[in-house]
């Protein structure tokens, strides 16, 4: 069977993985094809990745974990204590650095909204820590 020319050309040729017509030479899905796919995607889990770039879908669990970690100091530590303020500050700062460094969102508006929200949260945290220090000076 291996002597058959047709069989060798059809089945034994090993040219490596070939990108589909929707992928570039690096195997990344183009933004145009990704947005076209998202317009027709009506699956239940599409809300998890609709706002993300196609090569950043794997970041969604990290984003959800960061939001969960942000809640931990606020829920489990005593309010307005230095430990709570430092815990929330570290979690929010790490989330802000992650979002700024990776830029995982498809639309620039969502990207700006997340960045401004993180800056706002850090500003509110700075004000809370200032008033906690001022209140403890009495």
Protein backbone atom coordinates (compact mmCIF):
# COMPACT_ATOMS: atom_id res chain seq x y z
CA UNK A 1 0.00 0.00 0.00
CA UNK A 2 2.89 2.38 0.67
CA UNK A 3 4.13 1.84 -2.89
CA UNK A 4 1.00 3.42 -4.28
CA UNK A 5 1.79 7.00 -5.38
CA UNK A 6 -1.68 8.28 -4.62
CA UNK A 7 -1.62 6.82 -1.11
CA UNK A 8 1.75 8.37 -0.38
CA UNK A 9 0.69 11.78 -1.64
CA UNK A 10 -2.66 11.72 0.13
CA UNK A 11 -1.85 10.12 3.46
CA UNK A 12 1.87 10.00 4.14
CA UNK A 13 2.75 13.59 3.37
CA UNK A 14 3.72 15.34 6.61
CA UNK A 15 3.84 19.07 6.10
CA UNK A 16 3.04 19.93 9.69
CA UNK A 17 -0.05 21.69 10.93
CA UNK A 18 -1.51 24.04 8.37
CA UNK A 19 -3.33 27.22 9.48
CA UNK A 20 -6.94 27.52 8.44
CA UNK A 21 -8.02 30.26 6.10
CA UNK A 22 -9.10 32.33 9.10
CA UNK A 23 -5.70 32.23 10.85
CA UNK A 24 -2.54 34.15 10.10
CA UNK A 25 0.87 32.50 9.73
CA UNK A 26 1.28 32.35 13.55
CA UNK A 27 -2.02 30.54 14.04
CA UNK A 28 -3.82 33.56 15.54
CA UNK A 29 -7.40 34.20 14.61
CA UNK A 30 -7.89 37.61 13.04
CA UNK A 31 -9.99 40.24 14.81
CA UNK A 32 -12.32 40.53 11.81
CA UNK A 33 -13.11 36.82 11.81
CA UNK A 34 -13.41 36.77 15.60
CA UNK A 35 -16.00 39.59 15.64
CA UNK A 36 -17.83 37.89 12.79
CA UNK A 37 -17.93 34.68 14.84
CA UNK A 38 -19.15 36.51 17.94
CA UNK A 39 -22.13 37.99 16.10
CA UNK A 40 -23.43 34.49 15.40
CA UNK A 41 -22.41 32.86 18.70
CA UNK A 42 -25.45 32.28 20.91
CA UNK A 43 -24.01 29.72 23.30
CA UNK A 44 -24.61 30.00 27.03
CA UNK A 45 -20.96 30.69 27.87
CA UNK A 46 -20.40 33.33 25.21
CA UNK A 47 -20.78 36.07 27.83
CA UNK A 48 -17.50 34.94 29.36
CA UNK A 49 -15.41 35.65 26.26
CA UNK A 50 -17.38 38.11 24.11
CA UNK A 51 -15.36 41.11 25.31
CA UNK A 52 -11.94 39.46 25.04
CA UNK A 53 -9.49 39.31 22.17
CA UNK A 54 -9.25 35.87 20.53
CA UNK A 55 -5.72 35.22 21.80
CA UNK A 56 -6.66 36.38 25.33
CA UNK A 57 -9.56 34.00 26.05
CA UNK A 58 -7.42 32.10 28.52
CA UNK A 59 -7.19 35.23 30.69
CA UNK A 60 -10.87 35.06 31.65
CA UNK A 61 -10.30 32.68 34.60
CA UNK A 62 -7.53 34.98 35.87
CA UNK A 63 -9.83 38.00 35.62
CA UNK A 64 -12.58 36.20 37.53
CA UNK A 65 -10.08 35.00 40.14
CA UNK A 66 -8.77 38.55 40.58
CA UNK A 67 -12.29 39.82 41.25
CA UNK A 68 -12.79 37.06 43.80
CA UNK A 69 -9.44 37.78 45.51
CA UNK A 70 -10.42 41.44 45.71
CA UNK A 71 -13.44 40.50 47.81
CA UNK A 72 -11.51 38.41 50.33
CA UNK A 73 -9.90 41.21 52.41
CA UNK A 74 -13.06 43.29 52.29
CA UNK A 75 -15.21 40.44 53.58
CA UNK A 76 -12.95 38.61 56.01
CA UNK A 77 -10.93 41.40 57.65
CA UNK A 78 -12.18 43.98 60.13
CA UNK A 79 -13.36 47.19 58.40
CA UNK A 80 -11.03 50.21 58.19
CA UNK A 81 -8.02 48.39 59.60
CA UNK A 82 -4.56 48.66 58.03
CA UNK A 83 -4.67 44.96 57.10
CA UNK A 84 -7.88 45.38 55.16
CA UNK A 85 -6.70 48.52 53.40
CA UNK A 86 -3.37 46.94 52.45
CA UNK A 87 -5.07 43.72 51.30
CA UNK A 88 -7.56 45.52 49.11
CA UNK A 89 -4.83 47.82 47.79
CA UNK A 90 -2.57 44.94 46.82
CA UNK A 91 -5.41 43.04 45.12
CA UNK A 92 -6.69 46.10 43.23
CA UNK A 93 -3.16 47.16 42.28
CA UNK A 94 -2.32 43.70 40.95
CA UNK A 95 -5.56 43.65 38.95
CA UNK A 96 -4.83 47.10 37.51
CA UNK A 97 -1.28 46.14 36.51
CA UNK A 98 -2.53 42.90 34.94
CA UNK A 99 -5.17 44.72 32.86
CA UNK A 100 -2.76 47.47 31.80
CA UNK A 101 0.00 45.01 30.88
CA UNK A 102 -2.13 42.55 28.93
CA UNK A 103 -4.88 44.73 27.40
CA UNK A 104 -7.16 41.71 26.97
CA UNK A 105 -10.37 43.43 25.89
CA UNK A 106 -11.63 43.61 22.33
CA UNK A 107 -13.15 47.07 22.37
CA UNK A 108 -11.19 50.08 23.58
CA UNK A 109 -14.22 51.33 25.54
CA UNK A 110 -14.26 48.28 27.80
CA UNK A 111 -10.51 48.58 28.21
CA UNK A 112 -10.77 52.26 29.22
CA UNK A 113 -13.73 51.54 31.51
CA UNK A 114 -11.82 48.83 33.40
CA UNK A 115 -8.71 51.03 33.71
CA UNK A 116 -10.67 54.06 34.92
CA UNK A 117 -12.57 51.83 37.35
CA UNK A 118 -9.31 50.52 38.80
CA UNK A 119 -7.92 54.05 39.12
CA UNK A 120 -11.14 55.13 40.83
CA UNK A 121 -10.99 52.21 43.26
CA UNK A 122 -7.37 52.97 44.10
CA UNK A 123 -8.28 56.64 44.65
CA UNK A 124 -11.16 55.72 46.97
CA UNK A 125 -8.82 53.37 48.80
CA UNK A 126 -6.25 56.15 49.21
CA UNK A 127 -8.94 58.44 50.65
CA UNK A 128 -10.14 55.70 53.01
CA UNK A 129 -6.61 55.07 54.23
CA UNK A 130 -6.04 58.80 54.73
CA UNK A 131 -9.19 59.16 56.81
CA UNK A 132 -8.35 55.99 58.76
CA UNK A 133 -4.97 57.47 59.66
CA UNK A 134 -6.51 60.84 60.53
CA UNK A 135 -9.17 59.18 62.68
CA UNK A 136 -6.65 57.10 64.60
CA UNK A 137 -4.57 60.14 65.58
CA UNK A 138 -7.04 61.23 68.30
